[in-house]
Protein backbone atom coordinates (compact mmCIF):
# COMPACT_ATOMS: atom_id res chain seq x y z
CA MET A 1 -22.80 8.48 33.22
CA ALA A 2 -21.19 11.86 32.62
CA GLN A 3 -17.76 10.47 33.45
CA THR A 4 -18.26 7.61 30.96
CA ALA A 5 -19.25 10.07 28.24
CA LEU A 6 -16.22 12.22 29.07
CA LYS A 7 -13.90 9.21 28.80
CA ILE A 8 -15.38 8.23 25.43
CA GLY A 9 -15.00 11.81 24.22
CA ASN A 10 -11.37 11.93 25.31
CA ASN A 11 -10.65 8.60 23.60
CA LEU A 12 -12.17 9.89 20.36
CA LYS A 13 -10.09 13.06 20.61
CA VAL A 14 -6.90 11.02 21.10
CA SER A 15 -7.85 8.77 18.16
CA ARG A 16 -8.42 11.78 15.89
CA TRP A 17 -5.17 13.36 17.03
CA LEU A 18 -3.23 10.15 16.32
CA ARG A 19 -4.70 9.84 12.85
CA LYS A 20 -4.10 13.50 12.09
CA TYR A 21 -0.45 13.40 13.06
CA THR A 22 0.32 9.79 12.09
CA ILE A 23 2.97 10.71 9.53
CA TRP A 24 4.87 12.90 11.96
CA ILE A 25 4.64 10.32 14.76
CA ALA A 26 5.98 7.67 12.40
CA LEU A 27 8.89 9.79 11.24
CA ALA A 28 9.71 10.87 14.80
CA ALA A 29 9.68 7.26 16.00
CA VAL A 30 12.34 6.07 13.57
CA VAL A 31 15.40 7.82 14.98
CA PRO A 32 14.79 7.24 18.72
CA ALA A 33 14.03 3.57 18.05
CA VAL A 34 17.39 3.11 16.37
CA PHE A 35 19.32 4.90 19.10
CA ILE A 36 17.68 2.82 21.81
CA TRP A 37 18.31 -0.42 19.97
CA ARG A 38 21.91 0.37 19.11
CA SER A 39 22.63 1.59 22.63
CA ALA A 40 21.36 -1.72 23.98
CA VAL A 41 24.01 -3.61 22.04
CA GLY A 42 26.71 -1.02 22.74
CA GLN A 43 27.35 0.18 19.17
CA GLN A 44 27.46 3.56 17.52
CA PRO A 45 24.02 4.58 16.27
CA VAL A 46 24.92 7.20 13.64
CA ILE A 47 25.12 5.02 10.55
CA ASP A 48 22.31 2.74 11.69
CA THR A 49 20.02 5.71 12.04
CA PHE A 50 20.33 6.27 8.31
CA SER A 51 20.05 2.54 7.70
CA VAL A 52 16.74 2.32 9.49
CA ILE A 53 15.37 5.38 7.71
CA ILE A 54 16.34 3.93 4.33
CA PHE A 55 15.06 0.44 5.15
CA THR A 56 11.82 1.85 6.56
CA LEU A 57 11.22 3.85 3.39
CA ALA A 58 12.01 0.81 1.26
CA PHE A 59 9.96 -1.75 3.20
CA SER A 60 6.99 0.61 3.38
CA THR A 61 6.96 1.16 -0.41
CA PRO A 62 4.34 -1.42 -1.46
CA ILE A 63 2.21 -0.55 1.58
CA THR A 64 2.43 3.14 0.67
CA LEU A 65 1.38 2.57 -2.93
CA GLY A 66 -1.29 0.07 -1.86
CA ALA A 67 -2.76 2.51 0.66
CA LEU A 68 -2.83 5.25 -1.98
CA SER A 69 -4.46 2.78 -4.36
CA GLY A 70 -7.23 2.03 -1.89
CA THR A 71 -7.67 5.72 -1.09
CA PHE A 72 -8.38 6.69 -4.71
CA SER A 73 -10.88 3.88 -5.17
CA GLU A 74 -12.72 4.27 -1.89
CA ARG A 75 -12.79 8.07 -2.03
CA SER A 76 -14.88 7.63 -5.18
CA GLY A 77 -17.17 5.13 -3.43
CA VAL A 78 -15.80 1.75 -4.59
CA VAL A 79 -14.32 -0.70 -2.07
CA ASN A 80 -11.16 -2.31 -3.46
CA ILE A 81 -9.96 -5.27 -1.42
CA ALA A 82 -8.46 -6.69 -4.62
CA ILE A 83 -5.27 -4.67 -4.11
CA GLU A 84 -3.42 -7.83 -3.06
CA GLY A 85 -4.34 -9.63 -6.28
CA MET A 86 -3.47 -6.61 -8.41
CA MET A 87 -0.09 -6.34 -6.68
CA LEU A 88 0.63 -10.02 -7.24
CA SER A 89 -0.37 -9.82 -10.90
CA GLY A 90 1.81 -6.73 -11.38
CA ALA A 91 4.76 -8.54 -9.80
CA TYR A 92 4.36 -11.58 -12.07
CA PHE A 93 3.69 -9.89 -15.38
CA GLY A 94 6.36 -7.25 -14.71
CA ALA A 95 8.94 -10.03 -14.36
CA LEU A 96 7.54 -11.98 -17.32
CA PHE A 97 7.45 -9.05 -19.75
CA THR A 98 10.93 -7.97 -18.68
CA LYS A 99 12.39 -11.39 -19.36
CA ILE A 100 10.60 -11.83 -22.69
CA THR A 101 11.48 -8.40 -24.09
CA GLY A 102 14.78 -7.82 -22.31
CA GLU A 103 13.56 -4.30 -21.44
CA ILE A 104 12.82 -3.67 -17.80
CA TRP A 105 10.78 -0.55 -18.56
CA ILE A 106 8.44 -2.58 -20.76
CA GLY A 107 8.01 -4.97 -17.83
CA PHE A 108 7.36 -2.03 -15.51
CA ILE A 109 4.75 -0.46 -17.80
CA GLY A 110 3.22 -3.88 -18.47
CA ALA A 111 2.76 -4.45 -14.74
CA ILE A 112 0.97 -1.10 -14.38
CA LEU A 113 -1.33 -1.91 -17.31
CA VAL A 114 -2.17 -5.37 -15.95
CA GLY A 115 -3.12 -3.79 -12.62
CA GLY A 116 -5.28 -1.28 -14.48
CA LEU A 117 -7.02 -4.03 -16.49
CA LEU A 118 -7.86 -6.01 -13.37
CA ALA A 119 -9.19 -2.82 -11.80
CA LEU A 120 -11.30 -2.16 -14.89
CA PHE A 121 -12.78 -5.65 -14.48
CA HIS A 122 -13.45 -4.92 -10.81
CA GLY A 123 -15.04 -1.61 -11.83
CA ALA A 124 -17.30 -3.29 -14.40
CA LEU A 125 -18.51 -5.81 -11.83
CA SER A 126 -18.96 -3.21 -9.09
CA ILE A 127 -20.23 -0.20 -11.02
CA TYR A 128 -22.04 -1.56 -14.09
CA PHE A 129 -23.29 -4.94 -12.84
CA ARG A 130 -23.57 -3.71 -9.23
CA VAL A 131 -22.03 -6.89 -7.82
CA ASP A 132 -21.20 -6.77 -4.12
CA GLN A 133 -17.81 -5.04 -4.07
CA ILE A 134 -16.33 -7.27 -1.37
CA ILE A 135 -17.27 -10.37 -3.37
CA SER A 136 -15.85 -8.87 -6.56
CA GLY A 137 -12.55 -8.03 -4.85
CA THR A 138 -12.32 -11.48 -3.27
CA VAL A 139 -12.91 -13.14 -6.64
CA ILE A 140 -10.10 -11.07 -8.21
CA ASN A 141 -7.71 -11.97 -5.37
CA ILE A 142 -8.41 -15.68 -5.79
CA PHE A 143 -8.21 -15.40 -9.57
CA ALA A 144 -4.89 -13.52 -9.44
CA PHE A 145 -3.28 -16.02 -7.08
CA GLY A 146 -4.46 -18.98 -9.15
CA LEU A 147 -3.51 -17.41 -12.48
CA THR A 148 -0.02 -16.32 -11.44
CA SER A 149 0.67 -19.71 -9.83
CA PHE A 150 -0.50 -21.57 -12.94
CA LEU A 151 1.34 -19.36 -15.41
CA HIS A 152 4.44 -19.40 -13.25
CA SER A 153 4.48 -23.20 -13.36
CA LEU A 154 4.40 -22.98 -17.18
CA THR A 155 6.92 -20.14 -17.54
CA LYS A 156 9.09 -20.78 -14.50
CA LYS A 157 12.37 -20.61 -16.36
CA THR A 158 11.26 -17.44 -18.12
CA ALA A 159 9.93 -15.40 -15.21
CA ASP A 160 12.18 -16.62 -12.40
CA ALA A 161 14.93 -14.12 -13.09
CA THR A 162 14.95 -10.83 -14.92
CA PRO A 163 18.08 -9.54 -16.65
CA SER A 164 18.23 -6.44 -14.45
CA LYS A 165 16.51 -4.45 -11.75
CA LEU A 166 15.01 -1.00 -11.81
CA PRO A 167 17.55 1.79 -11.26
CA ALA A 168 18.27 3.17 -7.81
CA ILE A 169 19.87 6.27 -6.34
CA SER A 170 23.06 5.52 -4.39
CA PHE A 171 24.72 7.77 -1.83
CA LYS A 172 27.24 7.50 0.99
CA VAL A 173 27.11 8.52 4.63
CA GLU A 174 30.41 8.16 6.50
CA ASN A 175 31.77 5.65 3.98
CA THR A 176 28.62 3.50 4.12
CA SER A 177 26.61 3.17 0.91
CA PHE A 178 22.84 3.44 0.82
CA THR A 179 20.40 3.05 -2.05
CA LEU A 180 16.84 4.14 -2.70
CA GLY A 181 15.08 2.15 -5.42
CA PHE A 182 13.07 3.69 -8.23
CA VAL A 183 9.71 2.37 -7.00
CA THR A 184 10.43 3.70 -3.50
CA ILE A 185 11.13 7.19 -4.83
CA LEU A 186 8.09 6.97 -7.11
CA GLY A 187 5.93 5.96 -4.15
CA ILE A 188 7.01 8.99 -2.10
CA VAL A 189 6.31 11.32 -5.03
CA ALA A 190 2.96 9.61 -5.67
CA ILE A 191 1.82 10.26 -2.10
CA PHE A 192 2.28 14.03 -2.39
CA VAL A 193 0.86 14.15 -5.91
CA GLY A 194 -2.11 12.01 -4.84
CA HIS A 195 -2.76 14.22 -1.81
CA TYR A 196 -2.67 17.33 -4.00
CA VAL A 197 -4.99 15.80 -6.60
CA LEU A 198 -7.56 14.65 -4.03
CA PHE A 199 -7.67 17.84 -1.96
CA LYS A 200 -6.52 20.67 -4.21
CA THR A 201 -7.98 19.98 -7.66
CA ARG A 202 -11.42 19.96 -9.27
CA TRP A 203 -11.04 16.26 -10.05
CA GLY A 204 -10.34 15.53 -6.39
CA LEU A 205 -13.39 17.54 -5.34
CA ARG A 206 -15.55 15.56 -7.76
CA THR A 207 -14.06 12.28 -6.55
CA ARG A 208 -14.80 13.08 -2.93
CA ALA A 209 -18.29 14.34 -3.81
CA VAL A 210 -19.08 11.10 -5.63
CA GLY A 211 -17.83 9.08 -2.67
CA GLU A 212 -19.87 11.07 -0.19
CA ASN A 213 -23.13 11.75 -2.03
CA PRO A 214 -23.28 10.48 -5.62
CA LYS A 215 -26.87 11.60 -6.12
CA ALA A 216 -26.02 15.21 -5.25
CA ALA A 217 -22.91 15.04 -7.44
CA ASP A 218 -25.00 13.70 -10.33
CA THR A 219 -27.52 16.51 -9.87
CA ALA A 220 -24.64 19.00 -10.06
CA GLY A 221 -23.63 17.57 -13.44
CA VAL A 222 -20.83 15.18 -12.38
CA ASN A 223 -20.69 11.89 -14.29
CA VAL A 224 -20.65 9.51 -11.31
CA PHE A 225 -19.87 6.40 -13.35
CA LYS A 226 -16.98 8.04 -15.20
CA VAL A 227 -15.41 9.36 -11.99
CA ARG A 228 -15.67 5.96 -10.32
CA TYR A 229 -14.30 4.04 -13.30
CA ILE A 230 -11.29 6.33 -13.68
CA ASN A 231 -10.45 6.27 -9.97
CA VAL A 232 -10.76 2.49 -9.79
CA VAL A 233 -8.40 2.14 -12.77
CA ILE A 234 -5.95 4.57 -11.12
CA SER A 235 -6.21 2.39 -8.03
CA GLY A 236 -5.32 -0.72 -10.04
CA MET A 237 -2.38 0.95 -11.76
CA LEU A 238 -0.97 2.03 -8.40
CA ALA A 239 -1.39 -1.54 -7.09
CA GLY A 240 0.37 -2.90 -10.19
CA THR A 241 3.21 -0.45 -9.56
CA ALA A 242 3.43 -1.69 -5.97
CA GLY A 243 3.85 -5.22 -7.34
CA THR A 244 6.94 -4.21 -9.28
CA TYR A 245 8.63 -3.40 -5.97
CA PHE A 246 8.84 -7.13 -5.25
CA SER A 247 9.81 -8.48 -8.66
CA LEU A 248 11.70 -5.65 -10.34
CA GLN A 249 13.26 -3.73 -7.46
CA VAL A 250 13.99 -6.28 -4.72
CA LEU A 251 14.18 -9.80 -6.13
CA GLY A 252 14.70 -9.42 -9.85
CA GLY A 253 12.21 -12.21 -10.51
CA PHE A 254 8.96 -13.77 -9.38
CA THR A 255 8.04 -16.35 -6.75
CA GLU A 256 4.53 -17.58 -5.95
CA GLY A 257 2.64 -15.47 -3.44
CA MET A 258 5.54 -13.06 -3.07
CA THR A 259 3.33 -10.15 -1.94
CA VAL A 260 2.58 -12.11 1.30
CA GLY A 261 -0.52 -10.15 2.31
CA THR A 262 0.95 -6.68 1.73
CA GLY A 263 -2.24 -5.55 0.00
CA PHE A 264 -4.27 -6.22 3.13
CA ILE A 265 -1.73 -4.39 5.31
CA ALA A 266 -2.08 -1.48 2.87
CA LEU A 267 -5.83 -1.45 3.46
CA ALA A 268 -5.19 -1.26 7.22
CA ALA A 269 -2.82 1.68 6.62
CA MET A 270 -5.49 3.40 4.51
CA ILE A 271 -8.12 2.99 7.24
CA PHE A 272 -5.72 4.13 9.97
CA GLY A 273 -4.84 7.14 7.80
CA ASN A 274 -8.55 7.99 7.55
CA TRP A 275 -8.51 7.86 3.74
CA ASN A 276 -5.93 10.66 3.62
CA PRO A 277 -2.78 9.96 1.52
CA LEU A 278 -0.31 11.68 3.86
CA ASN A 279 -1.71 10.03 6.98
CA ALA A 280 -1.84 6.68 5.17
CA TRP A 281 1.85 7.14 4.34
CA GLY A 282 2.56 7.71 8.02
CA ALA A 283 0.78 4.44 8.84
CA ALA A 284 2.73 2.70 6.07
CA LEU A 285 5.97 3.97 7.60
CA ILE A 286 4.97 2.46 10.94
CA PHE A 287 4.47 -0.91 9.25
CA GLY A 288 7.75 -0.46 7.37
CA LEU A 289 9.49 0.26 10.66
CA CYS A 290 8.08 -3.00 12.07
CA ILE A 291 9.52 -4.94 9.13
CA THR A 292 12.83 -3.11 9.56
CA ALA A 293 12.86 -4.05 13.24
CA ASP A 294 12.38 -7.69 12.25
CA SER A 295 15.38 -7.53 9.87
CA MET A 296 17.62 -5.79 12.39
CA LEU A 297 16.65 -8.14 15.20
CA GLN A 298 17.51 -11.10 12.97
CA SER A 299 21.03 -9.74 12.58
CA TRP A 300 21.22 -9.51 16.37
CA TYR A 301 19.91 -12.92 17.47
CA GLY A 302 21.21 -14.91 14.49
CA ASN A 303 19.47 -18.09 13.33
CA ILE A 304 17.22 -18.76 16.32
CA THR A 305 14.16 -20.08 14.47
CA TRP A 306 11.49 -19.44 17.09
CA LEU A 307 12.61 -15.83 17.56
CA HIS A 308 12.60 -15.33 13.81
CA THR A 309 9.02 -16.60 13.68
CA ILE A 310 7.95 -14.18 16.40
CA THR A 311 9.59 -11.10 14.87
CA GLN A 312 8.26 -11.95 11.42
CA ALA A 313 4.76 -11.73 12.85
CA ILE A 314 5.26 -8.14 14.09
CA PRO A 315 3.75 -6.34 11.04
CA TYR A 316 0.72 -8.64 11.02
CA VAL A 317 0.12 -8.25 14.75
CA VAL A 318 0.35 -4.48 14.33
CA THR A 319 -2.19 -4.72 11.48
CA ILE A 320 -4.66 -6.55 13.72
CA VAL A 321 -4.16 -4.06 16.56
CA VAL A 322 -4.56 -1.07 14.23
CA VAL A 323 -7.70 -2.40 12.56
CA ALA A 324 -9.24 -3.47 15.88
CA GLY A 325 -8.51 -0.09 17.44
CA VAL A 326 -9.48 2.16 14.55
CA ILE A 327 -12.51 0.52 12.95
CA GLY A 328 -15.61 2.25 14.27
CA ARG A 329 -13.67 5.43 14.94
CA SER A 330 -12.53 6.19 11.41
CA ARG A 331 -15.08 7.75 9.12
CA PRO A 332 -15.08 6.26 5.61
CA PRO A 333 -16.67 8.07 2.65
CA ALA A 334 -20.42 7.96 3.24
CA SER A 335 -21.32 6.09 0.04
CA VAL A 336 -18.36 3.72 -0.17
CA GLY A 337 -19.45 0.22 -1.13
CA VAL A 338 -22.90 1.40 -2.24
CA PRO A 339 -23.63 0.91 -5.98
CA TYR A 340 -25.17 3.96 -7.62
CA THR A 341 -28.27 3.71 -9.77
CA LYS A 342 -29.09 6.72 -11.89
CA GLN A 343 -32.67 7.80 -11.39
């Protein structure tokens, strides 16, 4: 009995340690992984080390922003599984507005606003009408997929291609060029700003108080409904920004279902990061590294279809493993998912 309890205690300690140092584990894993892989095929690893770092940062961008989106919403007590739908809507309307106006920044801002509007709708259902937050998020996901598919069929020629992509920073390492897209850079900055806001400011303290004990926060004079609404809208705007990664940074256009479940992977990263922006970023980097591994392996084995299918599944398998291993050990905000009724 004592030995069983000791084993459980040790497992919990390891789990907490992994979550606490996720970001550093993820960053430390990038370089050795590249060296091992490149050594296996007998090539110089120097340039590819930078390649993997850049690709990992890029591929993890929508997961990073999605995880931060979920963190803001759930820290205030509102479950937001509609991140996928908000991402997809941001991707579509960003491409559409860009093509119509010819100004990519209008498309970018439009995508953010669309994400915010969907989040406001989710907030109204969850906070004012006290609808089950999982149901509300599911409805928005279904609505977003149906709406973007329908509108895309009507405006296909308009939204398929944008006149340009968002700017990127280019640099060279040993005569090899690398680029970091605008949304990727913005995502990295957003993580540190979001972490500071949540843990170092009065607003962050109020947000966390509302997510933990809204009744006590209300008694202390905090407007629970206002805090939740604002954080849910922030969540939607971040998700809309994540959507622009697909349509305005990578593809330069829109295709149906182009977010391919990234919003749900972002939720897994948020849970694994224990609702902490920096740790969630570390988890997002792990997922980004999995996607990078898939791309690099494709260049190695060529067009072998069955291998491509297997490596494409890596991020999703990792998501299942992470969620299965962490759920029950992570501690969400105490009042997340619980509608608040003012007494």
